[in-house]
Structures are given as structure tokens and as C-alpha cells.
N, C-alpha and C. Protein backbone atom coordinates (compact mmCIF):
# COMPACT_ATOMS: atom_id res chain seq x y z
N MET A 1 45.15 69.70 16.09
CA MET A 1 44.65 68.91 17.16
C MET A 1 43.12 68.74 17.07
N VAL A 2 42.48 69.83 16.73
CA VAL A 2 41.02 69.79 16.62
C VAL A 2 40.64 68.84 15.48
N VAL A 3 41.37 68.90 14.37
CA VAL A 3 41.06 68.04 13.23
C VAL A 3 41.31 66.59 13.61
N ALA A 4 42.43 66.32 14.32
CA ALA A 4 42.75 64.95 14.73
C ALA A 4 41.71 64.44 15.72
N ALA A 5 41.28 65.28 16.67
CA ALA A 5 40.28 64.88 17.64
C ALA A 5 38.95 64.61 16.95
N THR A 6 38.62 65.44 15.96
CA THR A 6 37.37 65.24 15.22
C THR A 6 37.43 63.94 14.43
N LEU A 7 38.56 63.69 13.75
CA LEU A 7 38.70 62.45 12.99
C LEU A 7 38.65 61.24 13.93
N GLY A 8 39.28 61.35 15.10
CA GLY A 8 39.25 60.26 16.08
C GLY A 8 37.83 60.01 16.57
N ALA A 9 37.08 61.09 16.87
CA ALA A 9 35.70 60.96 17.33
C ALA A 9 34.84 60.33 16.24
N LEU A 10 35.07 60.77 14.97
CA LEU A 10 34.31 60.18 13.86
C LEU A 10 34.64 58.69 13.70
N ALA A 11 35.94 58.34 13.85
CA ALA A 11 36.34 56.93 13.73
C ALA A 11 35.69 56.11 14.84
N LEU A 12 35.68 56.66 16.07
CA LEU A 12 35.04 55.95 17.19
C LEU A 12 33.54 55.77 16.94
N VAL A 13 32.88 56.82 16.45
CA VAL A 13 31.45 56.72 16.15
C VAL A 13 31.21 55.68 15.07
N PHE A 14 32.10 55.69 14.03
CA PHE A 14 31.93 54.73 12.93
C PHE A 14 32.12 53.30 13.43
N PHE A 15 33.22 53.05 14.15
CA PHE A 15 33.53 51.67 14.55
C PHE A 15 32.67 51.18 15.73
N LEU A 16 32.22 52.08 16.60
CA LEU A 16 31.43 51.64 17.75
C LEU A 16 29.93 51.68 17.51
N LEU A 17 29.47 52.57 16.66
CA LEU A 17 28.03 52.69 16.46
C LEU A 17 27.57 52.28 15.06
N ILE A 18 28.21 52.83 14.05
CA ILE A 18 27.73 52.64 12.68
C ILE A 18 28.03 51.22 12.18
N GLN A 19 29.26 50.72 12.34
CA GLN A 19 29.63 49.40 11.83
C GLN A 19 28.80 48.29 12.45
N PRO A 20 28.61 48.22 13.79
CA PRO A 20 27.75 47.16 14.34
C PRO A 20 26.31 47.25 13.84
N GLN A 21 25.80 48.50 13.68
CA GLN A 21 24.43 48.66 13.18
C GLN A 21 24.34 48.19 11.74
N LYS A 22 25.38 48.44 10.93
CA LYS A 22 25.41 48.00 9.54
C LYS A 22 25.40 46.48 9.46
N GLU A 23 26.18 45.79 10.30
CA GLU A 23 26.21 44.32 10.32
C GLU A 23 24.85 43.77 10.76
N GLN A 24 24.25 44.40 11.74
CA GLN A 24 22.93 43.96 12.21
C GLN A 24 21.88 44.14 11.10
N ASN A 25 21.97 45.24 10.36
CA ASN A 25 21.05 45.47 9.23
C ASN A 25 21.23 44.39 8.15
N GLU A 26 22.47 43.99 7.87
CA GLU A 26 22.72 42.95 6.86
C GLU A 26 22.14 41.62 7.32
N GLN A 27 22.30 41.30 8.61
CA GLN A 27 21.73 40.06 9.15
C GLN A 27 20.20 40.09 9.09
N LEU A 28 19.63 41.24 9.41
CA LEU A 28 18.17 41.36 9.32
C LEU A 28 17.70 41.22 7.87
N GLY A 29 18.45 41.80 6.93
CA GLY A 29 18.10 41.68 5.51
C GLY A 29 18.14 40.23 5.05
N LEU A 30 19.16 39.47 5.50
CA LEU A 30 19.27 38.05 5.16
C LEU A 30 18.10 37.27 5.77
N LYS A 31 17.74 37.58 7.01
CA LYS A 31 16.61 36.93 7.67
C LYS A 31 15.30 37.22 6.94
N VAL A 32 15.14 38.48 6.50
CA VAL A 32 13.92 38.87 5.78
C VAL A 32 13.82 38.08 4.47
N ARG A 33 14.93 37.95 3.72
CA ARG A 33 14.91 37.20 2.46
C ARG A 33 14.58 35.72 2.71
N THR A 34 15.16 35.15 3.78
CA THR A 34 14.88 33.75 4.10
C THR A 34 13.42 33.55 4.44
N GLU A 35 12.87 34.43 5.24
CA GLU A 35 11.46 34.33 5.63
C GLU A 35 10.53 34.58 4.44
N GLN A 36 10.92 35.46 3.52
CA GLN A 36 10.11 35.69 2.32
C GLN A 36 10.08 34.44 1.45
N GLU A 37 11.22 33.75 1.32
CA GLU A 37 11.24 32.50 0.55
C GLU A 37 10.37 31.44 1.22
N ARG A 38 10.44 31.37 2.54
CA ARG A 38 9.60 30.42 3.28
C ARG A 38 8.13 30.76 3.09
N LEU A 39 7.79 32.06 3.12
CA LEU A 39 6.42 32.49 2.91
C LEU A 39 5.93 32.10 1.51
N LYS A 40 6.79 32.26 0.50
CA LYS A 40 6.41 31.86 -0.87
C LYS A 40 6.15 30.36 -0.93
N THR A 41 6.99 29.56 -0.24
CA THR A 41 6.79 28.12 -0.22
C THR A 41 5.46 27.77 0.43
N ILE A 42 5.15 28.42 1.54
CA ILE A 42 3.89 28.17 2.24
C ILE A 42 2.70 28.59 1.37
N GLU A 43 2.80 29.74 0.70
CA GLU A 43 1.72 30.19 -0.17
C GLU A 43 1.51 29.22 -1.32
N THR A 44 2.60 28.69 -1.89
CA THR A 44 2.50 27.70 -2.97
C THR A 44 1.81 26.44 -2.46
N SER A 45 2.17 26.01 -1.26
CA SER A 45 1.54 24.82 -0.68
C SER A 45 0.06 25.04 -0.46
N ILE A 46 -0.31 26.22 0.00
CA ILE A 46 -1.73 26.52 0.22
C ILE A 46 -2.48 26.51 -1.11
N LYS A 47 -1.86 27.07 -2.16
CA LYS A 47 -2.52 27.07 -3.47
C LYS A 47 -2.69 25.65 -4.00
N GLU A 48 -1.72 24.77 -3.70
CA GLU A 48 -1.77 23.40 -4.20
C GLU A 48 -2.57 22.47 -3.29
N ALA A 49 -3.06 22.96 -2.17
CA ALA A 49 -3.78 22.12 -1.21
C ALA A 49 -5.02 21.48 -1.85
N ASP A 50 -5.75 22.24 -2.66
CA ASP A 50 -6.94 21.68 -3.30
C ASP A 50 -6.57 20.56 -4.27
N ALA A 51 -5.48 20.79 -5.03
CA ALA A 51 -5.04 19.76 -5.96
C ALA A 51 -4.57 18.52 -5.20
N ILE A 52 -3.88 18.71 -4.10
CA ILE A 52 -3.41 17.59 -3.29
C ILE A 52 -4.59 16.85 -2.68
N ALA A 53 -5.59 17.58 -2.20
CA ALA A 53 -6.79 16.95 -1.63
C ALA A 53 -7.52 16.13 -2.71
N GLY A 54 -7.61 16.65 -3.91
CA GLY A 54 -8.22 15.91 -5.01
C GLY A 54 -7.43 14.66 -5.35
N HIS A 55 -6.12 14.79 -5.34
CA HIS A 55 -5.25 13.65 -5.62
C HIS A 55 -5.41 12.58 -4.53
N LEU A 56 -5.52 13.02 -3.28
CA LEU A 56 -5.74 12.08 -2.17
C LEU A 56 -7.06 11.35 -2.33
N THR A 57 -8.09 12.06 -2.75
CA THR A 57 -9.40 11.44 -2.97
C THR A 57 -9.31 10.40 -4.08
N ASP A 58 -8.61 10.73 -5.17
CA ASP A 58 -8.45 9.78 -6.27
C ASP A 58 -7.71 8.52 -5.81
N ILE A 59 -6.65 8.71 -5.04
CA ILE A 59 -5.87 7.56 -4.56
C ILE A 59 -6.70 6.73 -3.59
N SER A 60 -7.50 7.37 -2.76
CA SER A 60 -8.37 6.63 -1.83
C SER A 60 -9.39 5.80 -2.60
N LEU A 61 -9.95 6.35 -3.66
CA LEU A 61 -10.90 5.59 -4.48
C LEU A 61 -10.21 4.41 -5.16
N GLN A 62 -8.98 4.61 -5.65
CA GLN A 62 -8.23 3.51 -6.27
C GLN A 62 -7.96 2.41 -5.25
N LEU A 63 -7.59 2.80 -4.03
CA LEU A 63 -7.34 1.81 -2.99
C LEU A 63 -8.61 1.04 -2.65
N ASN A 64 -9.74 1.73 -2.55
CA ASN A 64 -11.01 1.05 -2.26
C ASN A 64 -11.39 0.07 -3.37
N ARG A 65 -11.16 0.47 -4.63
CA ARG A 65 -11.43 -0.44 -5.75
C ARG A 65 -10.49 -1.64 -5.71
N ALA A 66 -9.23 -1.39 -5.36
CA ALA A 66 -8.26 -2.49 -5.29
C ALA A 66 -8.57 -3.44 -4.15
N GLU A 67 -9.20 -2.94 -3.09
CA GLU A 67 -9.53 -3.77 -1.93
C GLU A 67 -10.84 -4.53 -2.10
N ASP A 68 -11.47 -4.46 -3.26
CA ASP A 68 -12.74 -5.16 -3.47
C ASP A 68 -12.61 -6.66 -3.26
N ASP A 69 -11.47 -7.26 -3.59
CA ASP A 69 -11.30 -8.70 -3.45
C ASP A 69 -10.54 -9.08 -2.19
N VAL A 70 -10.42 -8.17 -1.24
CA VAL A 70 -9.75 -8.45 0.02
C VAL A 70 -10.80 -8.95 1.02
N ALA A 71 -10.41 -9.95 1.80
CA ALA A 71 -11.34 -10.57 2.75
C ALA A 71 -11.82 -9.56 3.79
N THR A 72 -13.11 -9.62 4.07
CA THR A 72 -13.71 -8.77 5.11
C THR A 72 -14.67 -9.61 5.94
N GLY A 73 -14.89 -9.20 7.16
CA GLY A 73 -15.85 -9.88 8.02
C GLY A 73 -15.41 -11.29 8.37
N ASP A 74 -16.36 -12.24 8.35
CA ASP A 74 -16.08 -13.64 8.66
C ASP A 74 -15.29 -14.25 7.50
N ALA A 75 -14.03 -14.57 7.74
CA ALA A 75 -13.15 -15.05 6.67
C ALA A 75 -13.62 -16.38 6.10
N TYR A 76 -14.14 -17.27 6.95
CA TYR A 76 -14.60 -18.57 6.44
C TYR A 76 -15.77 -18.39 5.50
N ALA A 77 -16.77 -17.60 5.90
CA ALA A 77 -17.94 -17.36 5.04
C ALA A 77 -17.54 -16.63 3.77
N TRP A 78 -16.67 -15.66 3.91
CA TRP A 78 -16.21 -14.89 2.74
C TRP A 78 -15.48 -15.81 1.77
N THR A 79 -14.55 -16.63 2.29
CA THR A 79 -13.77 -17.54 1.44
C THR A 79 -14.67 -18.57 0.78
N TYR A 80 -15.54 -19.18 1.57
CA TYR A 80 -16.45 -20.19 1.04
C TYR A 80 -17.31 -19.61 -0.08
N ASP A 81 -17.88 -18.44 0.16
CA ASP A 81 -18.74 -17.81 -0.83
C ASP A 81 -17.95 -17.43 -2.08
N THR A 82 -16.76 -16.88 -1.91
CA THR A 82 -15.93 -16.48 -3.06
C THR A 82 -15.57 -17.68 -3.91
N ILE A 83 -15.11 -18.76 -3.28
CA ILE A 83 -14.73 -19.96 -4.03
C ILE A 83 -15.94 -20.59 -4.68
N ARG A 84 -17.06 -20.66 -3.97
CA ARG A 84 -18.29 -21.26 -4.52
C ARG A 84 -18.76 -20.50 -5.76
N ARG A 85 -18.76 -19.16 -5.68
CA ARG A 85 -19.19 -18.37 -6.83
C ARG A 85 -18.22 -18.49 -7.99
N PHE A 86 -16.92 -18.52 -7.70
CA PHE A 86 -15.94 -18.55 -8.78
C PHE A 86 -15.89 -19.91 -9.46
N LYS A 87 -16.02 -20.99 -8.70
CA LYS A 87 -15.90 -22.33 -9.28
C LYS A 87 -17.13 -22.73 -10.10
N ALA A 88 -18.18 -21.95 -10.04
CA ALA A 88 -19.40 -22.29 -10.77
C ALA A 88 -19.16 -22.38 -12.27
N ASN A 89 -18.18 -21.67 -12.79
CA ASN A 89 -17.90 -21.67 -14.23
C ASN A 89 -16.95 -22.79 -14.65
N TYR A 90 -16.52 -23.62 -13.72
CA TYR A 90 -15.53 -24.66 -14.02
C TYR A 90 -16.06 -26.02 -13.60
N HIS A 91 -15.51 -27.07 -14.19
CA HIS A 91 -15.92 -28.44 -13.88
C HIS A 91 -14.99 -28.98 -12.80
N LEU A 92 -15.22 -28.52 -11.59
CA LEU A 92 -14.43 -28.93 -10.44
C LEU A 92 -15.34 -29.42 -9.34
N ASP A 93 -14.87 -30.39 -8.59
CA ASP A 93 -15.54 -30.80 -7.36
C ASP A 93 -14.65 -30.34 -6.22
N ILE A 94 -15.17 -29.45 -5.39
CA ILE A 94 -14.42 -29.00 -4.21
C ILE A 94 -15.31 -29.30 -3.00
N PRO A 95 -15.26 -30.53 -2.51
CA PRO A 95 -16.10 -30.88 -1.37
C PRO A 95 -15.54 -30.39 -0.03
N SER A 96 -14.26 -30.06 -0.02
CA SER A 96 -13.64 -29.73 1.26
C SER A 96 -12.97 -28.37 1.23
N ILE A 97 -13.48 -27.46 2.05
CA ILE A 97 -12.85 -26.17 2.26
C ILE A 97 -12.51 -26.11 3.74
N GLY A 98 -11.23 -26.06 4.05
CA GLY A 98 -10.78 -26.12 5.44
C GLY A 98 -11.06 -24.85 6.21
N GLN A 99 -10.80 -24.92 7.51
CA GLN A 99 -10.96 -23.76 8.38
C GLN A 99 -9.83 -22.77 8.11
N PRO A 100 -10.12 -21.50 8.14
CA PRO A 100 -9.08 -20.50 7.87
C PRO A 100 -8.14 -20.35 9.06
N THR A 101 -6.89 -20.06 8.74
CA THR A 101 -5.90 -19.73 9.78
C THR A 101 -5.42 -18.31 9.50
N TYR A 102 -5.39 -17.51 10.53
CA TYR A 102 -5.01 -16.11 10.42
C TYR A 102 -3.55 -15.95 10.83
N SER A 103 -2.86 -15.03 10.18
CA SER A 103 -1.48 -14.73 10.56
C SER A 103 -1.12 -13.35 10.01
N ASP A 104 0.03 -12.86 10.48
CA ASP A 104 0.54 -11.61 9.93
C ASP A 104 1.07 -11.88 8.53
N MET A 105 1.10 -10.86 7.71
CA MET A 105 1.59 -10.99 6.35
C MET A 105 3.06 -11.39 6.41
N ASP A 106 3.41 -12.53 5.82
CA ASP A 106 4.79 -13.00 5.90
C ASP A 106 5.61 -12.68 4.66
N MET A 107 5.01 -12.07 3.66
CA MET A 107 5.77 -11.74 2.45
C MET A 107 6.45 -10.38 2.57
N LEU A 108 5.79 -9.41 3.20
CA LEU A 108 6.35 -8.07 3.35
C LEU A 108 6.25 -7.66 4.82
N SER A 109 7.38 -7.28 5.40
CA SER A 109 7.32 -6.87 6.80
C SER A 109 6.74 -5.46 6.89
N GLY A 110 5.99 -5.21 7.94
CA GLY A 110 5.37 -3.90 8.14
C GLY A 110 4.19 -3.63 7.24
N PHE A 111 3.71 -4.64 6.53
CA PHE A 111 2.57 -4.48 5.63
C PHE A 111 1.31 -4.35 6.48
N PRO A 112 0.42 -3.40 6.20
CA PRO A 112 -0.71 -3.14 7.10
C PRO A 112 -1.82 -4.18 7.04
N TYR A 113 -1.73 -5.17 6.18
CA TYR A 113 -2.77 -6.18 6.06
C TYR A 113 -2.33 -7.46 6.76
N ARG A 114 -3.30 -8.24 7.19
CA ARG A 114 -3.04 -9.58 7.70
C ARG A 114 -3.43 -10.54 6.59
N GLN A 115 -3.18 -11.82 6.80
CA GLN A 115 -3.55 -12.80 5.79
C GLN A 115 -4.32 -13.94 6.41
N VAL A 116 -5.12 -14.57 5.58
CA VAL A 116 -5.87 -15.75 5.98
C VAL A 116 -5.51 -16.85 4.99
N LYS A 117 -5.30 -18.04 5.52
CA LYS A 117 -4.91 -19.18 4.69
C LYS A 117 -5.98 -20.25 4.82
N VAL A 118 -6.48 -20.72 3.67
CA VAL A 118 -7.54 -21.72 3.64
C VAL A 118 -7.10 -22.85 2.72
N SER A 119 -7.23 -24.08 3.19
CA SER A 119 -6.89 -25.24 2.37
C SER A 119 -8.15 -25.77 1.71
N ILE A 120 -8.03 -26.08 0.43
CA ILE A 120 -9.15 -26.70 -0.28
C ILE A 120 -8.64 -27.97 -0.96
N SER A 121 -9.53 -28.89 -1.18
CA SER A 121 -9.18 -30.11 -1.91
C SER A 121 -10.38 -30.52 -2.74
N GLY A 122 -10.09 -31.28 -3.78
CA GLY A 122 -11.16 -31.73 -4.65
C GLY A 122 -10.62 -32.52 -5.81
N THR A 123 -11.45 -32.69 -6.82
CA THR A 123 -11.06 -33.42 -8.04
C THR A 123 -11.43 -32.59 -9.25
N ALA A 124 -10.65 -32.78 -10.31
CA ALA A 124 -10.91 -32.06 -11.56
C ALA A 124 -10.09 -32.68 -12.67
N PHE A 125 -10.47 -32.41 -13.90
CA PHE A 125 -9.63 -32.77 -15.03
C PHE A 125 -8.48 -31.79 -15.10
N TYR A 126 -7.40 -32.22 -15.70
CA TYR A 126 -6.16 -31.43 -15.75
C TYR A 126 -6.40 -30.03 -16.31
N HIS A 127 -7.02 -29.93 -17.45
CA HIS A 127 -7.23 -28.62 -18.09
C HIS A 127 -8.19 -27.74 -17.28
N ASP A 128 -9.20 -28.33 -16.72
CA ASP A 128 -10.13 -27.55 -15.89
C ASP A 128 -9.43 -26.99 -14.67
N LEU A 129 -8.58 -27.79 -14.05
CA LEU A 129 -7.84 -27.32 -12.88
C LEU A 129 -6.87 -26.20 -13.27
N GLY A 130 -6.19 -26.36 -14.40
CA GLY A 130 -5.26 -25.33 -14.87
C GLY A 130 -5.96 -24.01 -15.15
N LYS A 131 -7.11 -24.07 -15.82
CA LYS A 131 -7.89 -22.85 -16.09
C LYS A 131 -8.36 -22.21 -14.80
N PHE A 132 -8.83 -23.04 -13.87
CA PHE A 132 -9.33 -22.53 -12.59
C PHE A 132 -8.23 -21.78 -11.84
N VAL A 133 -7.07 -22.40 -11.71
CA VAL A 133 -5.96 -21.77 -10.98
C VAL A 133 -5.52 -20.49 -11.68
N SER A 134 -5.35 -20.55 -12.98
CA SER A 134 -4.89 -19.39 -13.74
C SER A 134 -5.87 -18.22 -13.65
N GLU A 135 -7.12 -18.48 -13.90
CA GLU A 135 -8.11 -17.40 -13.90
C GLU A 135 -8.42 -16.92 -12.48
N PHE A 136 -8.29 -17.79 -11.50
CA PHE A 136 -8.50 -17.36 -10.11
C PHE A 136 -7.46 -16.32 -9.72
N GLU A 137 -6.20 -16.60 -10.00
CA GLU A 137 -5.14 -15.65 -9.63
C GLU A 137 -5.20 -14.38 -10.48
N ASN A 138 -5.67 -14.47 -11.70
CA ASN A 138 -5.81 -13.26 -12.52
C ASN A 138 -7.02 -12.43 -12.09
N THR A 139 -8.06 -13.09 -11.62
CA THR A 139 -9.26 -12.38 -11.18
C THR A 139 -9.06 -11.73 -9.81
N PHE A 140 -8.35 -12.41 -8.95
CA PHE A 140 -8.13 -11.92 -7.58
C PHE A 140 -6.64 -11.64 -7.36
N PRO A 141 -6.18 -10.45 -7.69
CA PRO A 141 -4.74 -10.17 -7.58
C PRO A 141 -4.22 -10.13 -6.15
N HIS A 142 -5.10 -10.07 -5.16
CA HIS A 142 -4.65 -10.02 -3.76
C HIS A 142 -4.76 -11.39 -3.09
N MET A 143 -4.91 -12.42 -3.90
CA MET A 143 -5.00 -13.78 -3.38
C MET A 143 -4.00 -14.64 -4.15
N ARG A 144 -3.44 -15.63 -3.46
CA ARG A 144 -2.50 -16.53 -4.11
C ARG A 144 -2.88 -17.97 -3.78
N MET A 145 -2.65 -18.84 -4.76
CA MET A 145 -2.80 -20.27 -4.55
C MET A 145 -1.39 -20.83 -4.41
N VAL A 146 -1.14 -21.50 -3.30
CA VAL A 146 0.19 -22.06 -3.04
C VAL A 146 0.05 -23.52 -2.62
N ASN A 147 1.17 -24.21 -2.61
CA ASN A 147 1.25 -25.62 -2.16
C ASN A 147 0.29 -26.52 -2.93
N LEU A 148 0.24 -26.35 -4.23
CA LEU A 148 -0.62 -27.19 -5.06
C LEU A 148 -0.01 -28.57 -5.19
N SER A 149 -0.78 -29.58 -4.82
CA SER A 149 -0.34 -30.96 -5.02
C SER A 149 -1.42 -31.68 -5.83
N VAL A 150 -0.98 -32.42 -6.84
CA VAL A 150 -1.88 -33.09 -7.76
C VAL A 150 -1.47 -34.55 -7.85
N GLU A 151 -2.45 -35.43 -7.85
CA GLU A 151 -2.19 -36.87 -8.02
C GLU A 151 -3.41 -37.50 -8.67
N PRO A 152 -3.26 -38.67 -9.25
CA PRO A 152 -4.42 -39.33 -9.85
C PRO A 152 -5.49 -39.60 -8.80
N ALA A 153 -6.73 -39.41 -9.19
CA ALA A 153 -7.84 -39.57 -8.25
C ALA A 153 -8.15 -41.03 -7.97
N GLY A 154 -7.70 -41.92 -8.84
CA GLY A 154 -7.95 -43.35 -8.62
C GLY A 154 -9.37 -43.76 -8.93
N LEU A 155 -10.04 -42.99 -9.79
CA LEU A 155 -11.41 -43.33 -10.16
C LEU A 155 -11.40 -44.21 -11.41
N THR A 156 -12.51 -44.80 -11.73
CA THR A 156 -12.61 -45.66 -12.91
C THR A 156 -13.69 -45.14 -13.84
N GLY A 157 -13.68 -45.66 -15.04
CA GLY A 157 -14.72 -45.30 -16.00
C GLY A 157 -14.44 -43.94 -16.63
N VAL A 158 -15.51 -43.14 -16.78
CA VAL A 158 -15.42 -41.84 -17.43
C VAL A 158 -14.53 -40.90 -16.62
N ASN A 159 -14.50 -41.06 -15.33
CA ASN A 159 -13.72 -40.17 -14.45
C ASN A 159 -12.31 -40.67 -14.20
N ALA A 160 -11.83 -41.64 -14.97
CA ALA A 160 -10.51 -42.21 -14.73
C ALA A 160 -9.39 -41.19 -14.91
N GLU A 161 -9.62 -40.17 -15.71
CA GLU A 161 -8.58 -39.16 -15.95
C GLU A 161 -8.65 -37.99 -14.98
N ARG A 162 -9.54 -38.03 -14.05
CA ARG A 162 -9.65 -36.94 -13.06
C ARG A 162 -8.46 -36.98 -12.12
N LEU A 163 -8.10 -35.81 -11.66
CA LEU A 163 -6.99 -35.66 -10.72
C LEU A 163 -7.52 -35.22 -9.37
N SER A 164 -6.88 -35.66 -8.35
CA SER A 164 -7.18 -35.19 -7.00
C SER A 164 -6.18 -34.08 -6.69
N PHE A 165 -6.67 -32.95 -6.20
CA PHE A 165 -5.76 -31.83 -5.92
C PHE A 165 -6.00 -31.31 -4.53
N ARG A 166 -4.99 -30.66 -4.03
CA ARG A 166 -5.06 -29.98 -2.73
C ARG A 166 -4.21 -28.73 -2.86
N LEU A 167 -4.73 -27.61 -2.38
CA LEU A 167 -3.97 -26.37 -2.44
C LEU A 167 -4.38 -25.44 -1.32
N ASP A 168 -3.56 -24.46 -1.07
CA ASP A 168 -3.84 -23.45 -0.06
C ASP A 168 -4.09 -22.13 -0.77
N ILE A 169 -5.10 -21.42 -0.31
CA ILE A 169 -5.39 -20.08 -0.82
C ILE A 169 -5.03 -19.09 0.28
N ILE A 170 -4.20 -18.14 -0.07
CA ILE A 170 -3.82 -17.10 0.88
C ILE A 170 -4.45 -15.80 0.40
N ALA A 171 -5.25 -15.19 1.27
CA ALA A 171 -5.94 -13.93 0.92
C ALA A 171 -5.60 -12.87 1.96
N LEU A 172 -5.58 -11.64 1.52
CA LEU A 172 -5.37 -10.52 2.43
C LEU A 172 -6.65 -10.23 3.19
N ILE A 173 -6.50 -9.75 4.41
CA ILE A 173 -7.65 -9.35 5.23
C ILE A 173 -7.59 -7.84 5.37
N LYS A 174 -8.68 -7.20 5.02
CA LYS A 174 -8.75 -5.74 5.09
C LYS A 174 -8.63 -5.28 6.54
N PRO A 175 -7.71 -4.35 6.82
CA PRO A 175 -7.57 -3.89 8.21
C PRO A 175 -8.78 -3.05 8.62
N ASN A 176 -9.06 -3.06 9.90
CA ASN A 176 -10.17 -2.23 10.41
C ASN A 176 -9.74 -0.79 10.39
N THR A 177 -10.52 0.05 9.72
CA THR A 177 -10.17 1.47 9.66
C THR A 177 -11.27 2.27 10.32
């Protein structure tokens, strides 16, 4: 009887005290391992913070360089000045630069830039106009020439082969930061 009572008391102690404590210890051990892995991840992130900050600086510089040809300030003055400086190397007459119209970017939704659209018209020889359009879009990757219409200028003499053209220039506007 004494042996049975002792075995029963030991079984009760094991199942009521030791087994729940053992399960709690296993859960705590699992929690400790999870938190240690999280700590290692955080330590790795802290070690890489300088590299990430350097990478962010590099990307910011690339963005600033890419935004060099994006419209800033007074869009009409900026557009007029940009076109005037660029056309100096070409044999084009651009007597008319229209007023700019502002709108949200319609090519990509949620794009952080707005756009300005300016109509220009003038006269030029076919090859000069082709070079101007081609080199303009290659020089200014954030600007597009659209709605190009070309027709004979109706001039006589030496200028009989000149063409009258009209086109729209769409440029991005740098957001205020």
C-alpha cells in the first residue's frame, strides 16, 4: 500500500507539476529561438544601414541628374529658353511658341510628375526638321514631341522646298519637394 501510494503521489506530482512545467519550458525555448532569430535580423539590418544609406544617396543623385531636363519654375520661360537654345544648331524658323497647358500625367497613373504641353509651329527643310525632332527627343528623354503635322509651306524661290510644321512638346514638371 505504501509503495502504491508513493507511486500514485509521484504520478500526481509528475502529471500535475512536472509535465505542465516541461511544456511551458519548451514553449519558452521556442520563443527564445524565435526572438534570437529576430535579433539577428535586426542586427544585420543595423550593420547594413550605412550601405543602404549610401545606396539611397547614389539613387538620389541619379534622380537629380535625370531630372536636369525636367521643367521647373515658369514653364513658358523654361520651354521658350530650352527650345531657343536647342534650335540654334538647326536651320529652323520657329516664330510661334504657344502658351503652355498643365495637366496630370496621362501616360502613367499615379506618376508623381505633372506635364506641360506646348505647341510650336514654324518652317524648315525636311532633313533639318527630321534631325531636330530626332536629336531633341534623344537629348531630352523626359520630353516628347507629338501630333507632328507637316505640309508644304507654299513659299517660292530658294525656300520653295521648305515645309510648314506644327507639333506639341510634352515635358514633365518637377514636383515641389
